[in-house]
Amino acid sequence: LYRCSYDPNSRLAQAMNDVLKALLSEKRSLDPYWDGIVAELTEGMGSRQWRVRQACCAALADGLSGRSFEQITTHLERIYYMLFRVIDDIKESVALEALKCSK
């Protein structure tokens, strides 16, 4: 659900974002699920579908902002490994989204 709220299709992203807002009172409500979300996003960065790879990069970029170093330190190796793979993606929009995420 979190990844789908960053889908390249704006109509799908908006619909999923509305569902996510209805389920959660605020964005910080995702904190208990953070480890699972990161695992799912990094796995999705290796997907065969370009839309999934692009959405995962966008979702990860947004999810990492505002997080403490302690929350992301256990995931850094896997995040950067997958980001370097996706930066070299054949689809330009996916590679650009990965570059944004890596910053």
PDB file of N, CA and C in Angstrom:
ATOM      1  N   LEU A   1       0.833  -1.191   0.000  1.00  0.00           N
ATOM      2  CA  LEU A   1       0.000   0.000   0.000  1.00  0.00           C
ATOM      3  C   LEU A   1       0.877   1.254   0.000  1.00  0.00           C
ATOM      4  N   TYR A   2       1.939   1.212   0.821  1.00  0.00           N
ATOM      5  CA  TYR A   2       2.837   2.373   0.883  1.00  0.00           C
ATOM      6  C   TYR A   2       3.529   2.585  -0.457  1.00  0.00           C
ATOM      7  N   ARG A   3       4.027   1.494  -1.051  1.00  0.00           N
ATOM      8  CA  ARG A   3       4.699   1.609  -2.342  1.00  0.00           C
ATOM      9  C   ARG A   3       3.734   2.092  -3.421  1.00  0.00           C
ATOM     10  N   CYS A   4       2.533   1.585  -3.414  1.00  0.00           N
ATOM     11  CA  CYS A   4       1.551   1.962  -4.441  1.00  0.00           C
ATOM     12  C   CYS A   4       1.171   3.435  -4.362  1.00  0.00           C
ATOM     13  N   SER A   5       1.347   4.057  -3.216  1.00  0.00           N
ATOM     14  CA  SER A   5       1.034   5.483  -3.109  1.00  0.00           C
ATOM     15  C   SER A   5       2.089   6.342  -3.808  1.00  0.00           C
ATOM     16  N   TYR A   6       3.139   5.719  -4.345  1.00  0.00           N
ATOM     17  CA  TYR A   6       4.175   6.423  -5.113  1.00  0.00           C
ATOM     18  C   TYR A   6       4.247   5.911  -6.547  1.00  0.00           C
ATOM     19  N   ASP A   7       3.206   5.257  -7.001  1.00  0.00           N
ATOM     20  CA  ASP A   7       3.171   4.703  -8.358  1.00  0.00           C
ATOM     21  C   ASP A   7       3.296   5.818  -9.398  1.00  0.00           C
ATOM     22  N   PRO A   8       3.968   5.550 -10.526  1.00  0.00           N
ATOM     23  CA  PRO A   8       4.080   6.565 -11.582  1.00  0.00           C
ATOM     24  C   PRO A   8       2.725   7.004 -12.156  1.00  0.00           C
ATOM     25  N   ASN A   9       1.731   6.135 -12.090  1.00  0.00           N
ATOM     26  CA  ASN A   9       0.383   6.489 -12.525  1.00  0.00           C
ATOM     27  C   ASN A   9      -0.244   7.346 -11.433  1.00  0.00           C
ATOM     28  N   SER A  10      -0.448   8.623 -11.712  1.00  0.00           N
ATOM     29  CA  SER A  10      -0.899   9.563 -10.686  1.00  0.00           C
ATOM     30  C   SER A  10      -2.281   9.215 -10.129  1.00  0.00           C
ATOM     31  N   ARG A  11      -3.152   8.649 -10.947  1.00  0.00           N
ATOM     32  CA  ARG A  11      -4.483   8.294 -10.450  1.00  0.00           C
ATOM     33  C   ARG A  11      -4.411   7.152  -9.443  1.00  0.00           C
ATOM     34  N   LEU A  12      -3.593   6.158  -9.744  1.00  0.00           N
ATOM     35  CA  LEU A  12      -3.408   5.049  -8.817  1.00  0.00           C
ATOM     36  C   LEU A  12      -2.722   5.526  -7.539  1.00  0.00           C
ATOM     37  N   ALA A  13      -1.716   6.370  -7.690  1.00  0.00           N
ATOM     38  CA  ALA A  13      -0.993   6.893  -6.526  1.00  0.00           C
ATOM     39  C   ALA A  13      -1.931   7.687  -5.621  1.00  0.00           C
ATOM     40  N   GLN A  14      -2.778   8.502  -6.205  1.00  0.00           N
ATOM     41  CA  GLN A  14      -3.714   9.305  -5.409  1.00  0.00           C
ATOM     42  C   GLN A  14      -4.713   8.419  -4.674  1.00  0.00           C
ATOM     43  N   ALA A  15      -5.220   7.394  -5.348  1.00  0.00           N
ATOM     44  CA  ALA A  15      -6.178   6.487  -4.717  1.00  0.00           C
ATOM     45  C   ALA A  15      -5.535   5.749  -3.541  1.00  0.00           C
ATOM     46  N   MET A  16      -4.331   5.260  -3.732  1.00  0.00           N
ATOM     47  CA  MET A  16      -3.641   4.542  -2.665  1.00  0.00           C
ATOM     48  C   MET A  16      -3.257   5.483  -1.513  1.00  0.00           C
ATOM     49  N   ASN A  17      -2.911   6.708  -1.850  1.00  0.00           N
ATOM     50  CA  ASN A  17      -2.590   7.702  -0.828  1.00  0.00           C
ATOM     51  C   ASN A  17      -3.816   8.007   0.026  1.00  0.00           C
ATOM     52  N   ASP A  18      -4.975   8.093  -0.602  1.00  0.00           N
ATOM     53  CA  ASP A  18      -6.214   8.329   0.140  1.00  0.00           C
ATOM     54  C   ASP A  18      -6.526   7.174   1.088  1.00  0.00           C
ATOM     55  N   VAL A  19      -6.307   5.946   0.614  1.00  0.00           N
ATOM     56  CA  VAL A  19      -6.538   4.772   1.463  1.00  0.00           C
ATOM     57  C   VAL A  19      -5.562   4.779   2.646  1.00  0.00           C
ATOM     58  N   LEU A  20      -4.310   5.088   2.362  1.00  0.00           N
ATOM     59  CA  LEU A  20      -3.293   5.120   3.415  1.00  0.00           C
ATOM     60  C   LEU A  20      -3.624   6.182   4.463  1.00  0.00           C
ATOM     61  N   LYS A  21      -4.065   7.348   4.017  1.00  0.00           N
ATOM     62  CA  LYS A  21      -4.439   8.409   4.962  1.00  0.00           C
ATOM     63  C   LYS A  21      -5.645   8.007   5.803  1.00  0.00           C
ATOM     64  N   ALA A  22      -6.571   7.264   5.200  1.00  0.00           N
ATOM     65  CA  ALA A  22      -7.743   6.818   5.944  1.00  0.00           C
ATOM     66  C   ALA A  22      -7.372   5.799   7.021  1.00  0.00           C
ATOM     67  N   LEU A  23      -6.354   4.990   6.746  1.00  0.00           N
ATOM     68  CA  LEU A  23      -5.948   3.961   7.701  1.00  0.00           C
ATOM     69  C   LEU A  23      -5.057   4.492   8.813  1.00  0.00           C
ATOM     70  N   LEU A  24      -4.236   5.492   8.492  1.00  0.00           N
ATOM     71  CA  LEU A  24      -3.271   6.012   9.459  1.00  0.00           C
ATOM     72  C   LEU A  24      -3.612   7.449   9.828  1.00  0.00           C
ATOM     73  N   SER A  25      -3.454   7.777  11.090  1.00  0.00           N
ATOM     74  CA  SER A  25      -3.760   9.134  11.529  1.00  0.00           C
ATOM     75  C   SER A  25      -2.691  10.125  11.083  1.00  0.00           C
ATOM     76  N   GLU A  26      -1.442   9.682  11.036  1.00  0.00           N
ATOM     77  CA  GLU A  26      -0.349  10.541  10.581  1.00  0.00           C
ATOM     78  C   GLU A  26       0.760   9.669  10.024  1.00  0.00           C
ATOM     79  N   LYS A  27       1.682  10.301   9.304  1.00  0.00           N
ATOM     80  CA  LYS A  27       2.745   9.546   8.640  1.00  0.00           C
ATOM     81  C   LYS A  27       3.612   8.782   9.632  1.00  0.00           C
ATOM     82  N   ARG A  28       3.825   9.316  10.803  1.00  0.00           N
ATOM     83  CA  ARG A  28       4.667   8.658  11.808  1.00  0.00           C
ATOM     84  C   ARG A  28       4.038   7.365  12.309  1.00  0.00           C
ATOM     85  N   SER A  29       2.796   7.109  11.966  1.00  0.00           N
ATOM     86  CA  SER A  29       2.149   5.861  12.352  1.00  0.00           C
ATOM     87  C   SER A  29       2.781   4.671  11.646  1.00  0.00           C
ATOM     88  N   LEU A  30       3.613   4.931  10.646  1.00  0.00           N
ATOM     89  CA  LEU A  30       4.299   3.859   9.925  1.00  0.00           C
ATOM     90  C   LEU A  30       5.533   3.359  10.666  1.00  0.00           C
ATOM     91  N   ASP A  31       5.959   4.057  11.709  1.00  0.00           N
ATOM     92  CA  ASP A  31       7.183   3.697  12.430  1.00  0.00           C
ATOM     93  C   ASP A  31       7.238   2.239  12.884  1.00  0.00           C
ATOM     94  N   PRO A  32       6.170   1.675  13.429  1.00  0.00           N
ATOM     95  CA  PRO A  32       6.261   0.271  13.857  1.00  0.00           C
ATOM     96  C   PRO A  32       6.485  -0.703  12.687  1.00  0.00           C
ATOM     97  N   TYR A  33       6.148  -0.284  11.489  1.00  0.00           N
ATOM     98  CA  TYR A  33       6.256  -1.144  10.311  1.00  0.00           C
ATOM     99  C   TYR A  33       7.471  -0.807   9.447  1.00  0.00           C
ATOM    100  N   TRP A  34       8.322   0.090   9.930  1.00  0.00           N
ATOM    101  CA  TRP A  34       9.425   0.622   9.123  1.00  0.00           C
ATOM    102  C   TRP A  34      10.336  -0.478   8.578  1.00  0.00           C
ATOM    103  N   ASP A  35      10.731  -1.427   9.414  1.00  0.00           N
ATOM    104  CA  ASP A  35      11.636  -2.488   8.959  1.00  0.00           C
ATOM    105  C   ASP A  35      11.014  -3.310   7.831  1.00  0.00           C
ATOM    106  N   GLY A  36       9.767  -3.644   7.960  1.00  0.00           N
ATOM    107  CA  GLY A  36       9.066  -4.392   6.913  1.00  0.00           C
ATOM    108  C   GLY A  36       8.912  -3.589   5.632  1.00  0.00           C
ATOM    109  N   ILE A  37       8.648  -2.298   5.785  1.00  0.00           N
ATOM    110  CA  ILE A  37       8.494  -1.422   4.614  1.00  0.00           C
ATOM    111  C   ILE A  37       9.807  -1.333   3.853  1.00  0.00           C
ATOM    112  N   VAL A  38      10.910  -1.133   4.562  1.00  0.00           N
ATOM    113  CA  VAL A  38      12.217  -1.036   3.902  1.00  0.00           C
ATOM    114  C   VAL A  38      12.561  -2.351   3.214  1.00  0.00           C
ATOM    115  N   ALA A  39      12.284  -3.462   3.869  1.00  0.00           N
ATOM    116  CA  ALA A  39      12.563  -4.766   3.257  1.00  0.00           C
ATOM    117  C   ALA A  39      11.761  -4.941   1.976  1.00  0.00           C
ATOM    118  N   GLU A  40      10.503  -4.562   2.003  1.00  0.00           N
ATOM    119  CA  GLU A  40       9.650  -4.682   0.818  1.00  0.00           C
ATOM    120  C   GLU A  40      10.111  -3.743  -0.302  1.00  0.00           C
ATOM    121  N   LEU A  41      10.490  -2.519   0.056  1.00  0.00           N
ATOM    122  CA  LEU A  41      10.926  -1.555  -0.960  1.00  0.00           C
ATOM    123  C   LEU A  41      12.241  -1.964  -1.605  1.00  0.00           C
ATOM    124  N   THR A  42      13.186  -2.439  -0.800  1.00  0.00           N
ATOM    125  CA  THR A  42      14.465  -2.850  -1.385  1.00  0.00           C
ATOM    126  C   THR A  42      14.293  -4.098  -2.244  1.00  0.00           C
ATOM    127  N   GLU A  43      13.387  -4.968  -1.852  1.00  0.00           N
ATOM    128  CA  GLU A  43      13.103  -6.141  -2.690  1.00  0.00           C
ATOM    129  C   GLU A  43      12.445  -5.699  -3.998  1.00  0.00           C
ATOM    130  N   GLY A  44      11.534  -4.739  -3.921  1.00  0.00           N
ATOM    131  CA  GLY A  44      10.846  -4.243  -5.113  1.00  0.00           C
ATOM    132  C   GLY A  44      11.762  -3.514  -6.072  1.00  0.00           C
ATOM    133  N   MET A  45      12.886  -3.010  -5.573  1.00  0.00           N
ATOM    134  CA  MET A  45      13.833  -2.325  -6.451  1.00  0.00           C
ATOM    135  C   MET A  45      14.481  -3.295  -7.429  1.00  0.00           C
ATOM    136  N   GLY A  46      14.361  -4.572  -7.174  1.00  0.00           N
ATOM    137  CA  GLY A  46      14.880  -5.586  -8.087  1.00  0.00           C
ATOM    138  C   GLY A  46      13.795  -6.217  -8.942  1.00  0.00           C
ATOM    139  N   SER A  47      12.619  -5.652  -8.925  1.00  0.00           N
ATOM    140  CA  SER A  47      11.491  -6.199  -9.680  1.00  0.00           C
ATOM    141  C   SER A  47      11.729  -6.119 -11.188  1.00  0.00           C
ATOM    142  N   ARG A  48      11.043  -6.950 -11.926  1.00  0.00           N
ATOM    143  CA  ARG A  48      11.140  -6.920 -13.388  1.00  0.00           C
ATOM    144  C   ARG A  48      10.293  -5.790 -13.975  1.00  0.00           C
ATOM    145  N   GLN A  49       9.339  -5.285 -13.205  1.00  0.00           N
ATOM    146  CA  GLN A  49       8.457  -4.228 -13.692  1.00  0.00           C
ATOM    147  C   GLN A  49       9.051  -2.862 -13.365  1.00  0.00           C
ATOM    148  N   TRP A  50       9.191  -2.013 -14.377  1.00  0.00           N
ATOM    149  CA  TRP A  50       9.807  -0.703 -14.171  1.00  0.00           C
ATOM    150  C   TRP A  50       8.975   0.163 -13.228  1.00  0.00           C
ATOM    151  N   ARG A  51       7.659   0.024 -13.266  1.00  0.00           N
ATOM    152  CA  ARG A  51       6.790   0.833 -12.405  1.00  0.00           C
ATOM    153  C   ARG A  51       7.038   0.532 -10.937  1.00  0.00           C
ATOM    154  N   VAL A  52       7.265  -0.733 -10.628  1.00  0.00           N
ATOM    155  CA  VAL A  52       7.530  -1.134  -9.249  1.00  0.00           C
ATOM    156  C   VAL A  52       8.882  -0.582  -8.804  1.00  0.00           C
ATOM    157  N   ARG A  53       9.893  -0.701  -9.666  1.00  0.00           N
ATOM    158  CA  ARG A  53      11.228  -0.190  -9.321  1.00  0.00           C
ATOM    159  C   ARG A  53      11.185   1.314  -9.076  1.00  0.00           C
ATOM    160  N   GLN A  54      10.488   2.037  -9.955  1.00  0.00           N
ATOM    161  CA  GLN A  54      10.405   3.495  -9.822  1.00  0.00           C
ATOM    162  C   GLN A  54       9.627   3.885  -8.560  1.00  0.00           C
ATOM    163  N   ALA A  55       8.528   3.215  -8.294  1.00  0.00           N
ATOM    164  CA  ALA A  55       7.719   3.520  -7.115  1.00  0.00           C
ATOM    165  C   ALA A  55       8.499   3.223  -5.831  1.00  0.00           C
ATOM    166  N   CYS A  56       9.269   2.144  -5.832  1.00  0.00           N
ATOM    167  CA  CYS A  56      10.060   1.793  -4.646  1.00  0.00           C
ATOM    168  C   CYS A  56      11.113   2.859  -4.357  1.00  0.00           C
ATOM    169  N   CYS A  57      11.755   3.361  -5.398  1.00  0.00           N
ATOM    170  CA  CYS A  57      12.761   4.407  -5.200  1.00  0.00           C
ATOM    171  C   CYS A  57      12.128   5.681  -4.653  1.00  0.00           C
ATOM    172  N   ALA A  58      10.988   6.063  -5.214  1.00  0.00           N
ATOM    173  CA  ALA A  58      10.305   7.276  -4.749  1.00  0.00           C
ATOM    174  C   ALA A  58       9.818   7.110  -3.309  1.00  0.00           C
ATOM    175  N   ALA A  59       9.262   5.948  -3.001  1.00  0.00           N
ATOM    176  CA  ALA A  59       8.760   5.697  -1.651  1.00  0.00           C
ATOM    177  C   ALA A  59       9.903   5.670  -0.633  1.00  0.00           C
ATOM    178  N   LEU A  60      11.007   5.073  -1.023  1.00  0.00           N
ATOM    179  CA  LEU A  60      12.157   5.009  -0.116  1.00  0.00           C
ATOM    180  C   LEU A  60      12.739   6.393   0.120  1.00  0.00           C
ATOM    181  N   ALA A  61      12.832   7.193  -0.937  1.00  0.00           N
ATOM    182  CA  ALA A  61      13.362   8.552  -0.793  1.00  0.00           C
ATOM    183  C   ALA A  61      12.512   9.354   0.196  1.00  0.00           C
ATOM    184  N   ASP A  62      11.202   9.244   0.068  1.00  0.00           N
ATOM    185  CA  ASP A  62      10.317   9.976   0.968  1.00  0.00           C
ATOM    186  C   ASP A  62      10.358   9.387   2.376  1.00  0.00           C
ATOM    187  N   GLY A  63      10.420   8.079   2.462  1.00  0.00           N
ATOM    188  CA  GLY A  63      10.432   7.426   3.768  1.00  0.00           C
ATOM    189  C   GLY A  63      11.700   7.679   4.559  1.00  0.00           C
ATOM    190  N   LEU A  64      12.823   7.844   3.873  1.00  0.00           N
ATOM    191  CA  LEU A  64      14.090   8.075   4.564  1.00  0.00           C
ATOM    192  C   LEU A  64      14.205   9.481   5.128  1.00  0.00           C
ATOM    193  N   SER A  65      13.523  10.433   4.508  1.00  0.00           N
ATOM    194  CA  SER A  65      13.627  11.809   4.993  1.00  0.00           C
ATOM    195  C   SER A  65      12.979  11.917   6.374  1.00  0.00           C
ATOM    196  N   GLY A  66      13.713  12.525   7.271  1.00  0.00           N
ATOM    197  CA  GLY A  66      13.204  12.712   8.621  1.00  0.00           C
ATOM    198  C   GLY A  66      13.457  11.550   9.562  1.00  0.00           C
ATOM    199  N   ARG A  67      14.060  10.492   9.062  1.00  0.00           N
ATOM    200  CA  ARG A  67      14.371   9.341   9.922  1.00  0.00           C
ATOM    201  C   ARG A  67      15.700   9.563  10.630  1.00  0.00           C
ATOM    202  N   SER A  68      15.827   9.024  11.809  1.00  0.00           N
ATOM    203  CA  SER A  68      17.088   9.114  12.538  1.00  0.00           C
ATOM    204  C   SER A  68      18.064   8.087  11.965  1.00  0.00           C
ATOM    205  N   PHE A  69      19.339   8.323  12.205  1.00  0.00           N
ATOM    206  CA  PHE A  69      20.360   7.415  11.706  1.00  0.00           C
ATOM    207  C   PHE A  69      20.181   6.016  12.296  1.00  0.00           C
ATOM    208  N   GLU A  70      19.742   5.937  13.534  1.00  0.00           N
ATOM    209  CA  GLU A  70      19.533   4.653  14.187  1.00  0.00           C
ATOM    210  C   GLU A  70      18.453   3.833  13.489  1.00  0.00           C
ATOM    211  N   GLN A  71      17.462   4.513  12.926  1.00  0.00           N
ATOM    212  CA  GLN A  71      16.385   3.803  12.252  1.00  0.00           C
ATOM    213  C   GLN A  71      16.817   3.238  10.902  1.00  0.00           C
ATOM    214  N   ILE A  72      17.795   3.845  10.267  1.00  0.00           N
ATOM    215  CA  ILE A  72      18.178   3.390   8.936  1.00  0.00           C
ATOM    216  C   ILE A  72      19.502   2.638   8.891  1.00  0.00           C
ATOM    217  N   THR A  73      20.269   2.702   9.949  1.00  0.00           N
ATOM    218  CA  THR A  73      21.616   2.132   9.916  1.00  0.00           C
ATOM    219  C   THR A  73      21.627   0.634   9.613  1.00  0.00           C
ATOM    220  N   THR A  74      20.648  -0.108  10.110  1.00  0.00           N
ATOM    221  CA  THR A  74      20.628  -1.548   9.862  1.00  0.00           C
ATOM    222  C   THR A  74      20.281  -1.881   8.413  1.00  0.00           C
ATOM    223  N   HIS A  75      19.722  -0.930   7.693  1.00  0.00           N
ATOM    224  CA  HIS A  75      19.287  -1.176   6.318  1.00  0.00           C
ATOM    225  C   HIS A  75      20.206  -0.566   5.264  1.00  0.00           C
ATOM    226  N   LEU A  76      21.178   0.218   5.687  1.00  0.00           N
ATOM    227  CA  LEU A  76      21.984   0.990   4.733  1.00  0.00           C
ATOM    228  C   LEU A  76      22.685   0.141   3.673  1.00  0.00           C
ATOM    229  N   GLU A  77      23.262  -0.963   4.068  1.00  0.00           N
ATOM    230  CA  GLU A  77      23.987  -1.784   3.106  1.00  0.00           C
ATOM    231  C   GLU A  77      23.060  -2.277   1.995  1.00  0.00           C
ATOM    232  N   ARG A  78      21.926  -2.801   2.374  1.00  0.00           N
ATOM    233  CA  ARG A  78      20.958  -3.312   1.380  1.00  0.00           C
ATOM    234  C   ARG A  78      20.394  -2.170   0.541  1.00  0.00           C
ATOM    235  N   ILE A  79      20.108  -1.031   1.143  1.00  0.00           N
ATOM    236  CA  ILE A  79      19.562   0.117   0.405  1.00  0.00           C
ATOM    237  C   ILE A  79      20.542   0.568  -0.671  1.00  0.00           C
ATOM    238  N   TYR A  80      21.798   0.767  -0.294  1.00  0.00           N
ATOM    239  CA  TYR A  80      22.771   1.250  -1.275  1.00  0.00           C
ATOM    240  C   TYR A  80      23.097   0.205  -2.328  1.00  0.00           C
ATOM    241  N   TYR A  81      23.116  -1.062  -1.947  1.00  0.00           N
ATOM    242  CA  TYR A  81      23.342  -2.116  -2.930  1.00  0.00           C
ATOM    243  C   TYR A  81      22.273  -2.064  -4.020  1.00  0.00           C
ATOM    244  N   MET A  82      21.019  -1.978  -3.596  1.00  0.00           N
ATOM    245  CA  MET A  82      19.911  -1.949  -4.565  1.00  0.00           C
ATOM    246  C   MET A  82      19.864  -0.625  -5.313  1.00  0.00           C
ATOM    247  N   LEU A  83      20.181   0.476  -4.645  1.00  0.00           N
ATOM    248  CA  LEU A  83      20.183   1.771  -5.328  1.00  0.00           C
ATOM    249  C   LEU A  83      21.205   1.812  -6.453  1.00  0.00           C
ATOM    250  N   PHE A  84      22.398   1.278  -6.209  1.00  0.00           N
ATOM    251  CA  PHE A  84      23.417   1.268  -7.264  1.00  0.00           C
ATOM    252  C   PHE A  84      22.989   0.408  -8.441  1.00  0.00           C
ATOM    253  N   ARG A  85      22.250  -0.660  -8.173  1.00  0.00           N
ATOM    254  CA  ARG A  85      21.719  -1.470  -9.274  1.00  0.00           C
ATOM    255  C   ARG A  85      20.682  -0.688 -10.084  1.00  0.00           C
ATOM    256  N   VAL A  86      19.810   0.008  -9.382  1.00  0.00           N
ATOM    257  CA  VAL A  86      18.709   0.699 -10.054  1.00  0.00           C
ATOM    258  C   VAL A  86      19.191   1.977 -10.747  1.00  0.00           C
ATOM    259  N   ILE A  87      20.252   2.594 -10.234  1.00  0.00           N
ATOM    260  CA  ILE A  87      20.796   3.783 -10.901  1.00  0.00           C
ATOM    261  C   ILE A  87      21.243   3.444 -12.319  1.00  0.00           C
ATOM    262  N   ASP A  88      21.636   2.199 -12.531  1.00  0.00           N
ATOM    263  CA  ASP A  88      22.081   1.740 -13.849  1.00  0.00           C
ATOM    264  C   ASP A  88      20.931   1.137 -14.665  1.00  0.00           C
ATOM    265  N   ASP A  89      19.706   1.484 -14.323  1.00  0.00           N
ATOM    266  CA  ASP A  89      18.524   0.918 -14.973  1.00  0.00           C
ATOM    267  C   ASP A  89      18.423   1.360 -16.425  1.00  0.00           C
ATOM    268  N   ILE A  90      17.853   0.497 -17.257  1.00  0.00           N
ATOM    269  CA  ILE A  90      17.682   0.806 -18.677  1.00  0.00           C
ATOM    270  C   ILE A  90      16.613   1.882 -18.888  1.00  0.00           C
ATOM    271  N   LYS A  91      15.643   1.951 -17.992  1.00  0.00           N
ATOM    272  CA  LYS A  91      14.576   2.958 -18.088  1.00  0.00           C
ATOM    273  C   LYS A  91      15.057   4.228 -17.395  1.00  0.00           C
ATOM    274  N   GLU A  92      15.080   5.317 -18.142  1.00  0.00           N
ATOM    275  CA  GLU A  92      15.649   6.568 -17.637  1.00  0.00           C
ATOM    276  C   GLU A  92      14.907   7.114 -16.424  1.00  0.00           C
ATOM    277  N   SER A  93      13.581   7.043 -16.424  1.00  0.00           N
ATOM    278  CA  SER A  93      12.826   7.600 -15.293  1.00  0.00           C
ATOM    279  C   SER A  93      13.120   6.837 -14.002  1.00  0.00           C
ATOM    280  N   VAL A  94      13.370   5.548 -14.106  1.00  0.00           N
ATOM    281  CA  VAL A  94      13.714   4.748 -12.926  1.00  0.00           C
ATOM    282  C   VAL A  94      15.092   5.150 -12.411  1.00  0.00           C
ATOM    283  N   ALA A  95      16.044   5.291 -13.332  1.00  0.00           N
ATOM    284  CA  ALA A  95      17.402   5.682 -12.946  1.00  0.00           C
ATOM    285  C   ALA A  95      17.415   7.064 -12.297  1.00  0.00           C
ATOM    286  N   LEU A  96      16.628   7.989 -12.824  1.00  0.00           N
ATOM    287  CA  LEU A  96      16.565   9.337 -12.243  1.00  0.00           C
ATOM    288  C   LEU A  96      15.955   9.310 -10.841  1.00  0.00           C
ATOM    289  N   GLU A  97      14.944   8.499 -10.659  1.00  0.00           N
ATOM    290  CA  GLU A  97      14.311   8.381  -9.339  1.00  0.00           C
ATOM    291  C   GLU A  97      15.296   7.765  -8.336  1.00  0.00           C
ATOM    292  N   ALA A  98      16.090   6.813  -8.793  1.00  0.00           N
ATOM    293  CA  ALA A  98      17.106   6.200  -7.915  1.00  0.00           C
ATOM    294  C   ALA A  98      18.182   7.228  -7.546  1.00  0.00           C
ATOM    295  N   LEU A  99      18.548   8.065  -8.484  1.00  0.00           N
ATOM    296  CA  LEU A  99      19.527   9.119  -8.192  1.00  0.00           C
ATOM    297  C   LEU A  99      18.988  10.078  -7.144  1.00  0.00           C
ATOM    298  N   LYS A 100      17.726  10.454  -7.259  1.00  0.00           N
ATOM    299  CA  LYS A 100      17.116  11.331  -6.263  1.00  0.00           C
ATOM    300  C   LYS A 100      17.136  10.674  -4.886  1.00  0.00           C
ATOM    301  N   CYS A 101      16.845   9.393  -4.860  1.00  0.00           N
ATOM    302  CA  CYS A 101      16.800   8.660  -3.599  1.00  0.00           C
ATOM    303  C   CYS A 101      18.184   8.567  -2.973  1.00  0.00           C
ATOM    304  N   SER A 102      19.216   8.416  -3.794  1.00  0.00           N
ATOM    305  CA  SER A 102      20.561   8.240  -3.259  1.00  0.00           C
ATOM    306  C   SER A 102      21.100   9.522  -2.615  1.00  0.00           C
ATOM    307  N   LYS A 103      20.516  10.647  -2.950  1.00  0.00           N
ATOM    308  CA  LYS A 103      20.958  11.922  -2.369  1.00  0.00           C
ATOM    309  C   LYS A 103      20.369  12.068  -1.005  1.00  0.00           C
TER     310      LYS A 103
END
